């Protein structure tokens, strides 16, 4: 449905693999491996539901972090 509606408006939809996008820090530049390629190590972590803490103890919304990582992938 999304792809169809985007096509009607001339928007290109790219489907990407989402693994590790919520665990990887977009601010620290963590790698975003594909699922099963390698054992990932991340610099930050999700501290509560909806909150992500970076290596430098910066706090950001976990959904924003995941969204930036999907864009990077």
PDB file of N, CA and C in Angstrom:
ATOM      1  N   UNK A   1       0.822  -1.188   0.000  1.00  0.00           N
ATOM      2  CA  UNK A   1       0.000   0.000   0.000  1.00  0.00           C
ATOM      3  C   UNK A   1       0.872   1.260   0.000  1.00  0.00           C
ATOM      4  N   UNK A   2       1.884   1.292   0.871  1.00  0.00           N
ATOM      5  CA  UNK A   2       2.761   2.460   0.925  1.00  0.00           C
ATOM      6  C   UNK A   2       3.495   2.648  -0.398  1.00  0.00           C
ATOM      7  N   UNK A   3       4.014   1.560  -0.927  1.00  0.00           N
ATOM      8  CA  UNK A   3       4.737   1.623  -2.198  1.00  0.00           C
ATOM      9  C   UNK A   3       3.812   2.122  -3.313  1.00  0.00           C
ATOM     10  N   UNK A   4       2.592   1.634  -3.339  1.00  0.00           N
ATOM     11  CA  UNK A   4       1.615   2.031  -4.347  1.00  0.00           C
ATOM     12  C   UNK A   4       1.300   3.524  -4.250  1.00  0.00           C
ATOM     13  N   UNK A   5       1.013   3.998  -3.034  1.00  0.00           N
ATOM     14  CA  UNK A   5       0.671   5.414  -2.851  1.00  0.00           C
ATOM     15  C   UNK A   5       1.852   6.326  -3.172  1.00  0.00           C
ATOM     16  N   UNK A   6       3.057   5.898  -2.803  1.00  0.00           N
ATOM     17  CA  UNK A   6       4.250   6.684  -3.123  1.00  0.00           C
ATOM     18  C   UNK A   6       4.443   6.762  -4.632  1.00  0.00           C
ATOM     19  N   UNK A   7       4.220   5.651  -5.322  1.00  0.00           N
ATOM     20  CA  UNK A   7       4.377   5.620  -6.773  1.00  0.00           C
ATOM     21  C   UNK A   7       3.406   6.595  -7.441  1.00  0.00           C
ATOM     22  N   UNK A   8       2.204   6.718  -6.910  1.00  0.00           N
ATOM     23  CA  UNK A   8       1.229   7.661  -7.456  1.00  0.00           C
ATOM     24  C   UNK A   8       1.732   9.103  -7.377  1.00  0.00           C
ATOM     25  N   UNK A   9       2.553   9.387  -6.384  1.00  0.00           N
ATOM     26  CA  UNK A   9       3.097  10.737  -6.184  1.00  0.00           C
ATOM     27  C   UNK A   9       4.498  10.904  -6.766  1.00  0.00           C
ATOM     28  N   UNK A  10       5.019   9.848  -7.379  1.00  0.00           N
ATOM     29  CA  UNK A  10       6.354   9.931  -7.971  1.00  0.00           C
ATOM     30  C   UNK A  10       7.477   9.807  -6.960  1.00  0.00           C
ATOM     31  N   UNK A  11       7.196   9.182  -5.826  1.00  0.00           N
ATOM     32  CA  UNK A  11       8.191   9.015  -4.769  1.00  0.00           C
ATOM     33  C   UNK A  11       8.763   7.606  -4.849  1.00  0.00           C
ATOM     34  N   UNK A  12      10.093   7.500  -4.819  1.00  0.00           N
ATOM     35  CA  UNK A  12      10.754   6.202  -4.865  1.00  0.00           C
ATOM     36  C   UNK A  12      10.849   5.634  -3.448  1.00  0.00           C
ATOM     37  N   UNK A  13      10.420   4.398  -3.263  1.00  0.00           N
ATOM     38  CA  UNK A  13      10.477   3.721  -1.966  1.00  0.00           C
ATOM     39  C   UNK A  13      11.599   2.691  -2.016  1.00  0.00           C
ATOM     40  N   UNK A  14      12.487   2.744  -1.039  1.00  0.00           N
ATOM     41  CA  UNK A  14      13.581   1.782  -0.939  1.00  0.00           C
ATOM     42  C   UNK A  14      13.380   0.988   0.348  1.00  0.00           C
ATOM     43  N   UNK A  15      13.221  -0.313   0.216  1.00  0.00           N
ATOM     44  CA  UNK A  15      13.052  -1.189   1.375  1.00  0.00           C
ATOM     45  C   UNK A  15      14.443  -1.620   1.834  1.00  0.00           C
ATOM     46  N   UNK A  16      14.745  -1.409   3.110  1.00  0.00           N
ATOM     47  CA  UNK A  16      16.061  -1.759   3.637  1.00  0.00           C
ATOM     48  C   UNK A  16      15.927  -2.687   4.837  1.00  0.00           C
ATOM     49  N   UNK A  17      16.949  -3.425   5.095  1.00  0.00           N
ATOM     50  CA  UNK A  17      17.007  -4.343   6.220  1.00  0.00           C
ATOM     51  C   UNK A  17      17.261  -3.522   7.491  1.00  0.00           C
ATOM     52  N   UNK A  18      16.501  -3.766   8.557  1.00  0.00           N
ATOM     53  CA  UNK A  18      16.522  -2.886   9.733  1.00  0.00           C
ATOM     54  C   UNK A  18      17.317  -3.392  10.928  1.00  0.00           C
ATOM     55  N   UNK A  19      17.996  -4.517  10.822  1.00  0.00           N
ATOM     56  CA  UNK A  19      18.634  -5.082  12.012  1.00  0.00           C
ATOM     57  C   UNK A  19      19.666  -4.133  12.614  1.00  0.00           C
ATOM     58  N   UNK A  20      19.667  -4.076  13.919  1.00  0.00           N
ATOM     59  CA  UNK A  20      20.603  -3.306  14.749  1.00  0.00           C
ATOM     60  C   UNK A  20      20.415  -1.790  14.683  1.00  0.00           C
ATOM     61  N   UNK A  21      19.413  -1.287  13.991  1.00  0.00           N
ATOM     62  CA  UNK A  21      19.258   0.164  13.878  1.00  0.00           C
ATOM     63  C   UNK A  21      18.869   0.818  15.199  1.00  0.00           C
ATOM     64  N   UNK A  22      18.209   0.082  16.085  1.00  0.00           N
ATOM     65  CA  UNK A  22      17.839   0.676  17.376  1.00  0.00           C
ATOM     66  C   UNK A  22      18.914   0.465  18.437  1.00  0.00           C
ATOM     67  N   UNK A  23      19.876  -0.421  18.178  1.00  0.00           N
ATOM     68  CA  UNK A  23      20.938  -0.697  19.147  1.00  0.00           C
ATOM     69  C   UNK A  23      22.202   0.099  18.862  1.00  0.00           C
ATOM     70  N   UNK A  24      22.383   0.495  17.630  1.00  0.00           N
ATOM     71  CA  UNK A  24      23.579   1.219  17.202  1.00  0.00           C
ATOM     72  C   UNK A  24      23.398   2.716  17.437  1.00  0.00           C
ATOM     73  N   UNK A  25      24.459   3.399  17.832  1.00  0.00           N
ATOM     74  CA  UNK A  25      24.384   4.835  18.091  1.00  0.00           C
ATOM     75  C   UNK A  25      24.622   5.628  16.811  1.00  0.00           C
ATOM     76  N   UNK A  26      23.653   6.459  16.446  1.00  0.00           N
ATOM     77  CA  UNK A  26      23.814   7.294  15.250  1.00  0.00           C
ATOM     78  C   UNK A  26      24.817   8.420  15.503  1.00  0.00           C
ATOM     79  N   UNK A  27      24.986   8.851  16.737  1.00  0.00           N
ATOM     80  CA  UNK A  27      25.913   9.942  17.049  1.00  0.00           C
ATOM     81  C   UNK A  27      27.354   9.469  17.196  1.00  0.00           C
ATOM     82  N   UNK A  28      27.543   8.214  17.606  1.00  0.00           N
ATOM     83  CA  UNK A  28      28.896   7.686  17.811  1.00  0.00           C
ATOM     84  C   UNK A  28      29.482   7.049  16.557  1.00  0.00           C
ATOM     85  N   UNK A  29      28.681   6.923  15.505  1.00  0.00           N
ATOM     86  CA  UNK A  29      29.188   6.349  14.260  1.00  0.00           C
ATOM     87  C   UNK A  29      29.378   4.844  14.300  1.00  0.00           C
ATOM     88  N   UNK A  30      28.570   4.145  15.099  1.00  0.00           N
ATOM     89  CA  UNK A  30      28.661   2.682  15.154  1.00  0.00           C
ATOM     90  C   UNK A  30      28.391   2.074  13.780  1.00  0.00           C
ATOM     91  N   UNK A  31      29.036   0.941  13.515  1.00  0.00           N
ATOM     92  CA  UNK A  31      28.772   0.199  12.284  1.00  0.00           C
ATOM     93  C   UNK A  31      27.367  -0.386  12.336  1.00  0.00           C
ATOM     94  N   UNK A  32      26.780  -0.574  11.162  1.00  0.00           N
ATOM     95  CA  UNK A  32      25.457  -1.174  11.056  1.00  0.00           C
ATOM     96  C   UNK A  32      25.541  -2.440  10.205  1.00  0.00           C
ATOM     97  N   UNK A  33      25.974  -3.549  10.795  1.00  0.00           N
ATOM     98  CA  UNK A  33      26.097  -4.778  10.007  1.00  0.00           C
ATOM     99  C   UNK A  33      24.726  -5.364   9.680  1.00  0.00           C
ATOM    100  N   UNK A  34      24.676  -6.183   8.646  1.00  0.00           N
ATOM    101  CA  UNK A  34      23.456  -6.921   8.347  1.00  0.00           C
ATOM    102  C   UNK A  34      23.352  -8.068   9.338  1.00  0.00           C
ATOM    103  N   UNK A  35      22.148  -8.504   9.587  1.00  0.00           N
ATOM    104  CA  UNK A  35      21.916  -9.579  10.553  1.00  0.00           C
ATOM    105  C   UNK A  35      22.701 -10.826  10.159  1.00  0.00           C
ATOM    106  N   UNK A  36      23.469 -11.361  11.098  1.00  0.00           N
ATOM    107  CA  UNK A  36      24.201 -12.592  10.890  1.00  0.00           C
ATOM    108  C   UNK A  36      25.578 -12.440  10.265  1.00  0.00           C
ATOM    109  N   UNK A  37      25.953 -11.239   9.816  1.00  0.00           N
ATOM    110  CA  UNK A  37      27.264 -11.042   9.183  1.00  0.00           C
ATOM    111  C   UNK A  37      28.406 -11.127  10.182  1.00  0.00           C
ATOM    112  N   UNK A  38      28.260 -10.451  11.290  1.00  0.00           N
ATOM    113  CA  UNK A  38      29.301 -10.417  12.315  1.00  0.00           C
ATOM    114  C   UNK A  38      28.643 -10.139  13.654  1.00  0.00           C
ATOM    115  N   UNK A  39      29.363 -10.397  14.728  1.00  0.00           N
ATOM    116  CA  UNK A  39      28.813 -10.093  16.051  1.00  0.00           C
ATOM    117  C   UNK A  39      29.066  -8.614  16.334  1.00  0.00           C
ATOM    118  N   UNK A  40      28.014  -7.813  16.381  1.00  0.00           N
ATOM    119  CA  UNK A  40      28.191  -6.369  16.558  1.00  0.00           C
ATOM    120  C   UNK A  40      28.520  -5.983  17.997  1.00  0.00           C
ATOM    121  N   UNK A  41      29.237  -4.870  18.138  1.00  0.00           N
ATOM    122  CA  UNK A  41      29.524  -4.275  19.441  1.00  0.00           C
ATOM    123  C   UNK A  41      29.129  -2.808  19.327  1.00  0.00           C
ATOM    124  N   UNK A  42      28.276  -2.361  20.226  1.00  0.00           N
ATOM    125  CA  UNK A  42      27.748  -1.009  20.148  1.00  0.00           C
ATOM    126  C   UNK A  42      28.267  -0.153  21.294  1.00  0.00           C
ATOM    127  N   UNK A  43      28.429   1.135  21.038  1.00  0.00           N
ATOM    128  CA  UNK A  43      29.017   2.034  22.030  1.00  0.00           C
ATOM    129  C   UNK A  43      28.000   2.562  23.038  1.00  0.00           C
ATOM    130  N   UNK A  44      26.740   2.636  22.664  1.00  0.00           N
ATOM    131  CA  UNK A  44      25.709   3.139  23.562  1.00  0.00           C
ATOM    132  C   UNK A  44      24.702   2.054  23.880  1.00  0.00           C
ATOM    133  N   UNK A  45      23.617   2.454  24.557  1.00  0.00           N
ATOM    134  CA  UNK A  45      22.572   1.475  24.863  1.00  0.00           C
ATOM    135  C   UNK A  45      21.261   2.176  25.165  1.00  0.00           C
ATOM    136  N   UNK A  46      20.204   1.422  25.027  1.00  0.00           N
ATOM    137  CA  UNK A  46      18.883   1.920  25.372  1.00  0.00           C
ATOM    138  C   UNK A  46      18.737   1.792  26.886  1.00  0.00           C
ATOM    139  N   UNK A  47      18.484   2.906  27.572  1.00  0.00           N
ATOM    140  CA  UNK A  47      18.434   2.881  29.038  1.00  0.00           C
ATOM    141  C   UNK A  47      17.022   2.696  29.577  1.00  0.00           C
ATOM    142  N   UNK A  48      16.048   3.201  28.883  1.00  0.00           N
ATOM    143  CA  UNK A  48      14.642   2.980  29.225  1.00  0.00           C
ATOM    144  C   UNK A  48      13.880   2.892  27.915  1.00  0.00           C
ATOM    145  N   UNK A  49      12.617   2.557  28.022  1.00  0.00           N
ATOM    146  CA  UNK A  49      11.812   2.509  26.809  1.00  0.00           C
ATOM    147  C   UNK A  49      11.733   3.924  26.233  1.00  0.00           C
ATOM    148  N   UNK A  50      12.246   4.084  25.029  1.00  0.00           N
ATOM    149  CA  UNK A  50      12.173   5.376  24.363  1.00  0.00           C
ATOM    150  C   UNK A  50      13.361   6.286  24.588  1.00  0.00           C
ATOM    151  N   UNK A  51      14.397   5.830  25.310  1.00  0.00           N
ATOM    152  CA  UNK A  51      15.549   6.690  25.579  1.00  0.00           C
ATOM    153  C   UNK A  51      16.848   5.935  25.317  1.00  0.00           C
ATOM    154  N   UNK A  52      17.735   6.548  24.546  1.00  0.00           N
ATOM    155  CA  UNK A  52      19.015   5.942  24.175  1.00  0.00           C
ATOM    156  C   UNK A  52      20.147   6.803  24.724  1.00  0.00           C
ATOM    157  N   UNK A  53      21.171   6.160  25.302  1.00  0.00           N
ATOM    158  CA  UNK A  53      22.329   6.873  25.854  1.00  0.00           C
ATOM    159  C   UNK A  53      23.555   6.533  25.016  1.00  0.00           C
ATOM    160  N   UNK A  54      24.270   7.566  24.530  1.00  0.00           N
ATOM    161  CA  UNK A  54      25.453   7.374  23.696  1.00  0.00           C
ATOM    162  C   UNK A  54      26.688   7.111  24.552  1.00  0.00           C
ATOM    163  N   UNK A  55      27.793   6.842  23.883  1.00  0.00           N
ATOM    164  CA  UNK A  55      29.077   6.600  24.562  1.00  0.00           C
ATOM    165  C   UNK A  55      29.455   7.781  25.453  1.00  0.00           C
ATOM    166  N   UNK A  56      29.130   8.999  25.008  1.00  0.00           N
ATOM    167  CA  UNK A  56      29.475  10.211  25.764  1.00  0.00           C
ATOM    168  C   UNK A  56      28.354  10.643  26.703  1.00  0.00           C
ATOM    169  N   UNK A  57      27.455   9.712  27.030  1.00  0.00           N
ATOM    170  CA  UNK A  57      26.336   9.937  27.953  1.00  0.00           C
ATOM    171  C   UNK A  57      25.344  10.992  27.481  1.00  0.00           C
ATOM    172  N   UNK A  58      25.267  11.212  26.174  1.00  0.00           N
ATOM    173  CA  UNK A  58      24.231  12.089  25.625  1.00  0.00           C
ATOM    174  C   UNK A  58      22.958  11.266  25.497  1.00  0.00           C
ATOM    175  N   UNK A  59      21.830  11.870  25.839  1.00  0.00           N
ATOM    176  CA  UNK A  59      20.546  11.183  25.765  1.00  0.00           C
ATOM    177  C   UNK A  59      19.771  11.670  24.551  1.00  0.00           C
ATOM    178  N   UNK A  60      19.156  10.729  23.841  1.00  0.00           N
ATOM    179  CA  UNK A  60      18.291  11.108  22.740  1.00  0.00           C
ATOM    180  C   UNK A  60      17.148  10.115  22.637  1.00  0.00           C
ATOM    181  N   UNK A  61      16.102  10.540  21.976  1.00  0.00           N
ATOM    182  CA  UNK A  61      14.951   9.687  21.781  1.00  0.00           C
ATOM    183  C   UNK A  61      15.364   8.453  20.992  1.00  0.00           C
ATOM    184  N   UNK A  62      14.999   7.274  21.475  1.00  0.00           N
ATOM    185  CA  UNK A  62      15.412   6.018  20.838  1.00  0.00           C
ATOM    186  C   UNK A  62      14.847   5.880  19.428  1.00  0.00           C
ATOM    187  N   UNK A  63      13.642   6.385  19.184  1.00  0.00           N
ATOM    188  CA  UNK A  63      13.062   6.315  17.840  1.00  0.00           C
ATOM    189  C   UNK A  63      13.814   7.213  16.867  1.00  0.00           C
ATOM    190  N   UNK A  64      14.264   8.364  17.336  1.00  0.00           N
ATOM    191  CA  UNK A  64      15.063   9.262  16.494  1.00  0.00           C
ATOM    192  C   UNK A  64      16.387   8.587  16.151  1.00  0.00           C
ATOM    193  N   UNK A  65      17.025   7.964  17.135  1.00  0.00           N
ATOM    194  CA  UNK A  65      18.273   7.240  16.905  1.00  0.00           C
ATOM    195  C   UNK A  65      18.072   6.147  15.850  1.00  0.00           C
ATOM    196  N   UNK A  66      17.036   5.345  16.006  1.00  0.00           N
ATOM    197  CA  UNK A  66      16.754   4.279  15.055  1.00  0.00           C
ATOM    198  C   UNK A  66      16.448   4.806  13.665  1.00  0.00           C
ATOM    199  N   UNK A  67      15.716   5.917  13.595  1.00  0.00           N
ATOM    200  CA  UNK A  67      15.373   6.510  12.298  1.00  0.00           C
ATOM    201  C   UNK A  67      16.610   6.998  11.557  1.00  0.00           C
ATOM    202  N   UNK A  68      17.507   7.672  12.256  1.00  0.00           N
ATOM    203  CA  UNK A  68      18.753   8.120  11.622  1.00  0.00           C
ATOM    204  C   UNK A  68      19.563   6.925  11.122  1.00  0.00           C
ATOM    205  N   UNK A  69      19.576   5.849  11.895  1.00  0.00           N
ATOM    206  CA  UNK A  69      20.327   4.666  11.478  1.00  0.00           C
ATOM    207  C   UNK A  69      19.711   3.990  10.257  1.00  0.00           C
ATOM    208  N   UNK A  70      18.388   4.010  10.146  1.00  0.00           N
ATOM    209  CA  UNK A  70      17.744   3.466   8.945  1.00  0.00           C
ATOM    210  C   UNK A  70      18.135   4.303   7.735  1.00  0.00           C
ATOM    211  N   UNK A  71      18.201   5.618   7.896  1.00  0.00           N
ATOM    212  CA  UNK A  71      18.633   6.499   6.799  1.00  0.00           C
ATOM    213  C   UNK A  71      20.071   6.174   6.409  1.00  0.00           C
ATOM    214  N   UNK A  72      20.936   5.930   7.411  1.00  0.00           N
ATOM    215  CA  UNK A  72      22.346   5.604   7.135  1.00  0.00           C
ATOM    216  C   UNK A  72      22.494   4.289   6.387  1.00  0.00           C
ATOM    217  N   UNK A  73      21.617   3.337   6.680  1.00  0.00           N
ATOM    218  CA  UNK A  73      21.712   2.016   6.053  1.00  0.00           C
ATOM    219  C   UNK A  73      21.322   2.109   4.610  1.00  0.00           C
TER     220      UNK A  73
END
